[in-house]
C-alpha atoms as a PDB file:
ATOM      1  CA  UNK A   1       1.183 -10.703   3.195  1.00  0.00           C
ATOM      2  CA  UNK A   2       4.819  -9.679   3.468  1.00  0.00           C
ATOM      3  CA  UNK A   3       5.701  -6.315   1.980  1.00  0.00           C
ATOM      4  CA  UNK A   4       2.189  -4.912   2.406  1.00  0.00           C
ATOM      5  CA  UNK A   5       1.139  -2.018   4.609  1.00  0.00           C
ATOM      6  CA  UNK A   6      -1.039  -3.377   7.460  1.00  0.00           C
ATOM      7  CA  UNK A   7      -4.746  -2.542   7.161  1.00  0.00           C
ATOM      8  CA  UNK A   8      -4.924  -0.817  10.595  1.00  0.00           C
ATOM      9  CA  UNK A   9      -2.129   1.602   9.594  1.00  0.00           C
ATOM     10  CA  UNK A  10      -3.739   2.161   6.186  1.00  0.00           C
ATOM     11  CA  UNK A  11      -7.021   3.022   7.948  1.00  0.00           C
ATOM     12  CA  UNK A  12      -5.223   5.516  10.226  1.00  0.00           C
ATOM     13  CA  UNK A  13      -3.616   7.142   7.165  1.00  0.00           C
ATOM     14  CA  UNK A  14      -7.004   7.420   5.424  1.00  0.00           C
ATOM     15  CA  UNK A  15      -8.658   8.785   8.558  1.00  0.00           C
ATOM     16  CA  UNK A  16      -5.837  11.349   8.879  1.00  0.00           C
ATOM     17  CA  UNK A  17      -6.565  12.600   5.354  1.00  0.00           C
ATOM     18  CA  UNK A  18      -4.570  10.498   2.861  1.00  0.00           C
ATOM     19  CA  UNK A  19      -6.531  10.397  -0.383  1.00  0.00           C
ATOM     20  CA  UNK A  20      -6.382   7.678  -3.019  1.00  0.00           C
ATOM     21  CA  UNK A  21      -6.763   8.021  -6.767  1.00  0.00           C
ATOM     22  CA  UNK A  22      -7.033   4.348  -7.806  1.00  0.00           C
ATOM     23  CA  UNK A  23      -4.640   3.254 -10.563  1.00  0.00           C
ATOM     24  CA  UNK A  24      -3.658  -0.029 -12.146  1.00  0.00           C
ATOM     25  CA  UNK A  25      -1.229  -1.885  -9.881  1.00  0.00           C
ATOM     26  CA  UNK A  26      -2.569  -0.378  -6.650  1.00  0.00           C
ATOM     27  CA  UNK A  27      -3.196  -2.798  -3.792  1.00  0.00           C
ATOM     28  CA  UNK A  28      -6.220  -2.565  -1.572  1.00  0.00           C
ATOM     29  CA  UNK A  29      -8.166  -4.450   1.077  1.00  0.00           C
ATOM     30  CA  UNK A  30     -11.865  -4.697   1.791  1.00  0.00           C
ATOM     31  CA  UNK A  31     -12.237  -4.593   5.580  1.00  0.00           C
ATOM     32  CA  UNK A  32     -15.360  -5.700   7.448  1.00  0.00           C
ATOM     33  CA  UNK A  33     -16.540  -8.145   4.765  1.00  0.00           C
ATOM     34  CA  UNK A  34     -14.758 -11.271   5.941  1.00  0.00           C
ATOM     35  CA  UNK A  35     -11.952 -10.362   3.503  1.00  0.00           C
ATOM     36  CA  UNK A  36      -9.631  -8.628   5.986  1.00  0.00           C
ATOM     37  CA  UNK A  37      -6.697 -10.901   5.131  1.00  0.00           C
ATOM     38  CA  UNK A  38      -7.098 -10.630   1.358  1.00  0.00           C
ATOM     39  CA  UNK A  39      -5.022  -8.191  -0.680  1.00  0.00           C
ATOM     40  CA  UNK A  40      -6.445  -7.215  -4.074  1.00  0.00           C
ATOM     41  CA  UNK A  41      -4.601  -5.549  -6.935  1.00  0.00           C
ATOM     42  CA  UNK A  42      -6.273  -3.222  -9.417  1.00  0.00           C
ATOM     43  CA  UNK A  43      -5.734  -4.540 -12.897  1.00  0.00           C
ATOM     44  CA  UNK A  44      -7.219  -4.091 -16.325  1.00  0.00           C
ATOM     45  CA  UNK A  45      -7.325  -7.830 -16.753  1.00  0.00           C
ATOM     46  CA  UNK A  46      -6.319 -11.095 -15.146  1.00  0.00           C
ATOM     47  CA  UNK A  47      -3.407 -12.878 -16.762  1.00  0.00           C
ATOM     48  CA  UNK A  48      -2.651 -16.458 -15.814  1.00  0.00           C
ATOM     49  CA  UNK A  49      -0.403 -19.228 -17.050  1.00  0.00           C
ATOM     50  CA  UNK A  50      -2.232 -22.394 -18.118  1.00  0.00           C
ATOM     51  CA  UNK A  51      -0.665 -25.693 -18.981  1.00  0.00           C
ATOM     52  CA  UNK A  52      -1.459 -27.090 -22.419  1.00  0.00           C
ATOM     53  CA  UNK A  53      -0.204 -30.251 -24.120  1.00  0.00           C
ATOM     54  CA  UNK A  54       2.262 -28.079 -26.056  1.00  0.00           C
ATOM     55  CA  UNK A  55       3.556 -26.282 -22.916  1.00  0.00           C
ATOM     56  CA  UNK A  56       2.629 -23.251 -20.837  1.00  0.00           C
ATOM     57  CA  UNK A  57       0.210 -20.743 -22.352  1.00  0.00           C
ATOM     58  CA  UNK A  58      -0.310 -17.212 -21.055  1.00  0.00           C
ATOM     59  CA  UNK A  59      -4.043 -16.555 -20.918  1.00  0.00           C
ATOM     60  CA  UNK A  60      -5.645 -13.122 -20.921  1.00  0.00           C
ATOM     61  CA  UNK A  61      -8.927 -13.421 -19.029  1.00  0.00           C
ATOM     62  CA  UNK A  62     -11.660 -11.118 -17.808  1.00  0.00           C
ATOM     63  CA  UNK A  63     -12.141 -10.452 -14.105  1.00  0.00           C
ATOM     64  CA  UNK A  64     -12.840 -13.707 -12.292  1.00  0.00           C
ATOM     65  CA  UNK A  65     -13.892 -12.395  -8.868  1.00  0.00           C
ATOM     66  CA  UNK A  66     -16.887 -10.161  -8.323  1.00  0.00           C
ATOM     67  CA  UNK A  67     -17.524 -10.205 -12.061  1.00  0.00           C
ATOM     68  CA  UNK A  68     -20.966  -8.674 -11.721  1.00  0.00           C
ATOM     69  CA  UNK A  69     -20.503  -6.712  -8.496  1.00  0.00           C
ATOM     70  CA  UNK A  70     -19.270  -3.213  -7.841  1.00  0.00           C
ATOM     71  CA  UNK A  71     -17.448  -1.935  -4.804  1.00  0.00           C
ATOM     72  CA  UNK A  72     -17.632   1.683  -3.696  1.00  0.00           C
ATOM     73  CA  UNK A  73     -14.146   3.158  -3.372  1.00  0.00           C
ATOM     74  CA  UNK A  74     -15.013   4.204   0.172  1.00  0.00           C
ATOM     75  CA  UNK A  75     -15.456   0.497   1.051  1.00  0.00           C
ATOM     76  CA  UNK A  76     -11.894  -0.297  -0.007  1.00  0.00           C
ATOM     77  CA  UNK A  77      -8.760   0.731   1.825  1.00  0.00           C
ATOM     78  CA  UNK A  78      -5.639   1.583  -0.181  1.00  0.00           C
ATOM     79  CA  UNK A  79      -2.493  -0.290   0.801  1.00  0.00           C
ATOM     80  CA  UNK A  80       0.242   1.879  -0.701  1.00  0.00           C
ATOM     81  CA  UNK A  81       3.383   0.108  -1.857  1.00  0.00           C
ATOM     82  CA  UNK A  82       6.815   1.072  -0.478  1.00  0.00           C
ATOM     83  CA  UNK A  83       7.603   3.176  -3.584  1.00  0.00           C
ATOM     84  CA  UNK A  84       4.262   4.996  -3.308  1.00  0.00           C
ATOM     85  CA  UNK A  85       4.831   5.753   0.386  1.00  0.00           C
ATOM     86  CA  UNK A  86       8.344   7.069  -0.353  1.00  0.00           C
ATOM     87  CA  UNK A  87       6.943   9.290  -3.114  1.00  0.00           C
ATOM     88  CA  UNK A  88       4.283  10.637  -0.747  1.00  0.00           C
ATOM     89  CA  UNK A  89       7.030  11.582   1.728  1.00  0.00           C
ATOM     90  CA  UNK A  90       8.483  13.771  -1.026  1.00  0.00           C
ATOM     91  CA  UNK A  91      11.415  16.027  -0.239  1.00  0.00           C
ATOM     92  CA  UNK A  92      11.175  15.344   3.485  1.00  0.00           C
ATOM     93  CA  UNK A  93      12.521  11.805   2.989  1.00  0.00           C
ATOM     94  CA  UNK A  94      16.145  11.521   4.093  1.00  0.00           C
ATOM     95  CA  UNK A  95      16.854   7.802   4.463  1.00  0.00           C
ATOM     96  CA  UNK A  96      15.679   4.279   5.213  1.00  0.00           C
ATOM     97  CA  UNK A  97      17.937   2.015   7.192  1.00  0.00           C
ATOM     98  CA  UNK A  98      17.716  -1.499   8.531  1.00  0.00           C
ATOM     99  CA  UNK A  99      17.967  -1.810  12.307  1.00  0.00           C
ATOM    100  CA  UNK A 100      18.235  -4.813  14.612  1.00  0.00           C
ATOM    101  CA  UNK A 101      14.468  -4.626  15.162  1.00  0.00           C
ATOM    102  CA  UNK A 102      13.312  -3.772  11.640  1.00  0.00           C
ATOM    103  CA  UNK A 103      13.539  -0.468   9.785  1.00  0.00           C
ATOM    104  CA  UNK A 104      14.019   3.190  10.524  1.00  0.00           C
ATOM    105  CA  UNK A 105      12.870   6.054   8.297  1.00  0.00           C
ATOM    106  CA  UNK A 106      14.361   9.501   8.757  1.00  0.00           C
ATOM    107  CA  UNK A 107      12.727  12.638   7.431  1.00  0.00           C
ATOM    108  CA  UNK A 108      13.800  16.236   7.600  1.00  0.00           C
ATOM    109  CA  UNK A 109      10.962  18.622   8.321  1.00  0.00           C
ATOM    110  CA  UNK A 110      12.220  22.193   8.181  1.00  0.00           C
ATOM    111  CA  UNK A 111      15.483  21.960  10.064  1.00  0.00           C
ATOM    112  CA  UNK A 112      14.496  19.161  12.406  1.00  0.00           C
ATOM    113  CA  UNK A 113      14.702  15.375  11.962  1.00  0.00           C
ATOM    114  CA  UNK A 114      11.670  13.143  12.268  1.00  0.00           C
ATOM    115  CA  UNK A 115      12.228   9.432  12.858  1.00  0.00           C
ATOM    116  CA  UNK A 116       9.877   6.464  12.628  1.00  0.00           C
ATOM    117  CA  UNK A 117      10.879   2.866  13.444  1.00  0.00           C
ATOM    118  CA  UNK A 118       8.838  -0.249  12.674  1.00  0.00           C
ATOM    119  CA  UNK A 119       9.125  -3.958  11.944  1.00  0.00           C
ATOM    120  CA  UNK A 120       8.822  -3.541   8.157  1.00  0.00           C
ATOM    121  CA  UNK A 121       9.891  -0.869   5.688  1.00  0.00           C
ATOM    122  CA  UNK A 122       6.241  -0.280   4.702  1.00  0.00           C
ATOM    123  CA  UNK A 123       5.237   0.264   8.331  1.00  0.00           C
ATOM    124  CA  UNK A 124       8.148   2.656   8.918  1.00  0.00           C
ATOM    125  CA  UNK A 125       7.278   4.657   5.783  1.00  0.00           C
ATOM    126  CA  UNK A 126       3.581   4.583   6.699  1.00  0.00           C
ATOM    127  CA  UNK A 127       4.220   5.729  10.263  1.00  0.00           C
ATOM    128  CA  UNK A 128       6.441   8.562   9.016  1.00  0.00           C
ATOM    129  CA  UNK A 129       3.772   9.613   6.527  1.00  0.00           C
ATOM    130  CA  UNK A 130       1.144   9.561   9.280  1.00  0.00           C
ATOM    131  CA  UNK A 131       3.378  11.833  11.396  1.00  0.00           C
ATOM    132  CA  UNK A 132       3.793  14.212   8.410  1.00  0.00           C
ATOM    133  CA  UNK A 133       0.063  14.370   7.793  1.00  0.00           C
ATOM    134  CA  UNK A 134      -0.593  15.066  11.468  1.00  0.00           C
ATOM    135  CA  UNK A 135       1.998  17.845  11.390  1.00  0.00           C
ATOM    136  CA  UNK A 136       0.239  19.344   8.380  1.00  0.00           C
ATOM    137  CA  UNK A 137       3.305  19.067   6.120  1.00  0.00           C
ATOM    138  CA  UNK A 138       2.557  18.858   2.377  1.00  0.00           C
END
C-alpha cells in the first residue's frame, strides 16, 4: 500500500524500542498469519456507503472482520503514518525534501546533521527515527 511504512522497517523500529499506544486511526499489520500484505486501521466502527433506491446511504456498522476474535497487541505491528513519524522525530526534525531517487530527511542532533534517504517519505522518516532511537536520542 502506497504511503504506508513497510512492515520490515516497522518491525526494526519496534525491536529498537519504539512503543505503541493504540489509538483510533492508527494503522497496523498482523505479520506471520498470512496477512502480511493487509493494512488494518483501528476504528470505533466501520462506516460504508451503500446504494439504495433513493441514492447512496452512509451506514454505521459494527466490526465486520474478526468480530468474535481478539488480537494481542504484541501480535500486531504499528505502521505509523507520516505525521506520526514526524512527531516522533520532535525537535530534531529539520526538513524533508524530494530527491531524484525518493526522499531525504534531515535531522539536527546536537550540532550535527543526520540524514536518511529512502524511496518513500515514510521510509525516510522511519529510517531517521530508527537512527535516533539507536543513538539514544529522546
